[in-house]
Structure formats: structure tokens, C-alpha cells
Amino acid sequence: MRSQLKLPEEFRIHDWRHSWVTNSLMAGENPVEASANVRHHSPGYTMARYGHSRKNGARKLAASGANRLGLSSPA
């Protein structure tokens, strides 16, 4: 199957799943829906495991807004 799809040997289906959840959350998908789509037991688990990228995006957005208003960036 792997050779038919021309996937590298080190590729794992779980890697694809991880990318999908991370990209979905970064795109603003509701964590409850993302969690249900990958059948995690709770949205809290999904956010603990994959929410780091969403937090980084929120920090960048806050810093950008603060800079535009002439305020110091949040820590």
C-alpha cells in the first residue's frame, strides 16, 4: 500500500492526522468540532495536545494589535 501511494518509509498515517488537527485549529476551527472529528475523548485533550500553535497565533495577533495602537506588546 505504501509503495502504491509513493509515501516515504518514515511517513506514518498518524503524522497526517496530527497535521490535519494542527492546521484545522490554526485555521480557526472550533476545538469541539476538531476533537469530535478525530474522536478524542475531550476537546481539552485536543487543545492540550495540539493547541500550542493556536496560542502562538493568538500571541502574534495580540502583539500586532498592540503595536498598531502604540502600546507595548503583551508578555
Protein backbone atom coordinates (compact mmCIF):
# COMPACT_ATOMS: atom_id res chain seq x y z
CA MET A 1 0.00 0.00 0.00
CA ARG A 2 2.76 2.45 0.95
CA SER A 3 4.58 1.91 -2.34
CA GLN A 4 1.37 2.30 -4.34
CA LEU A 5 0.80 5.70 -2.74
CA LYS A 6 4.50 6.57 -3.16
CA LEU A 7 4.84 7.51 0.50
CA PRO A 8 8.26 7.72 2.14
CA GLU A 9 9.16 4.89 4.50
CA GLU A 10 9.20 7.20 7.51
CA PHE A 11 5.67 8.51 6.82
CA ARG A 12 3.02 7.42 9.30
CA ILE A 13 -0.72 7.91 8.99
CA HIS A 14 -0.67 9.39 12.49
CA ASP A 15 1.58 12.20 11.14
CA TRP A 16 -1.14 13.06 8.64
CA ARG A 17 -3.72 13.14 11.42
CA HIS A 18 -1.51 15.38 13.56
CA SER A 19 -1.06 17.81 10.66
CA TRP A 20 -4.79 17.88 9.98
CA VAL A 21 -5.71 18.72 13.58
CA THR A 22 -2.97 21.36 13.89
CA ASN A 23 -3.92 23.01 10.60
CA SER A 24 -7.63 22.92 11.44
CA LEU A 25 -7.07 24.67 14.77
CA MET A 26 -4.74 27.22 13.19
CA ALA A 27 -7.44 27.96 10.60
CA GLY A 28 -9.87 28.72 13.43
CA GLU A 29 -11.92 25.53 13.53
CA ASN A 30 -13.89 25.09 16.71
CA PRO A 31 -11.87 22.85 19.08
CA VAL A 32 -15.02 20.88 19.96
CA GLU A 33 -15.56 20.00 16.29
CA ALA A 34 -11.88 19.20 15.68
CA SER A 35 -11.88 16.95 18.74
CA ALA A 36 -15.01 15.13 17.59
CA ASN A 37 -13.63 14.70 14.07
CA VAL A 38 -10.58 12.83 15.33
CA ARG A 39 -12.55 11.06 18.07
CA HIS A 40 -10.61 12.39 21.03
CA HIS A 41 -12.28 11.85 24.39
CA SER A 42 -12.50 15.60 25.05
CA PRO A 43 -11.78 19.00 23.48
CA GLY A 44 -9.49 19.65 26.46
CA TYR A 45 -7.26 16.78 25.40
CA THR A 46 -7.19 18.08 21.82
CA MET A 47 -6.21 21.57 22.94
CA ALA A 48 -3.58 20.27 25.37
CA ARG A 49 -2.02 18.17 22.62
CA TYR A 50 -2.45 20.44 19.58
CA GLY A 51 -3.40 23.89 20.89
CA HIS A 52 0.16 25.22 21.13
CA SER A 53 0.07 26.57 17.59
CA ARG A 54 -3.22 28.33 18.27
CA LYS A 55 -1.75 30.01 21.37
CA ASN A 56 1.23 31.21 19.35
CA GLY A 57 -1.10 32.67 16.72
CA ALA A 58 -3.12 34.48 19.40
CA ARG A 59 0.08 35.95 20.86
CA LYS A 60 1.17 37.23 17.45
CA LEU A 61 -2.24 38.76 16.83
CA ALA A 62 -2.23 40.48 20.24
CA ALA A 63 1.28 41.84 19.68
CA SER A 64 0.34 43.12 16.24
CA GLY A 65 -2.75 44.89 17.59
CA ALA A 66 -0.79 46.41 20.46
CA ASN A 67 1.87 47.69 18.08
CA ARG A 68 -0.73 49.33 15.83
CA LEU A 69 -2.20 51.11 18.85
CA GLY A 70 1.22 52.22 20.08
CA LEU A 71 1.05 50.04 23.19
CA SER A 72 3.73 47.76 24.50
CA SER A 73 3.37 44.14 23.40
CA PRO A 74 1.81 41.73 25.89
CA ALA A 75 4.28 39.36 27.53
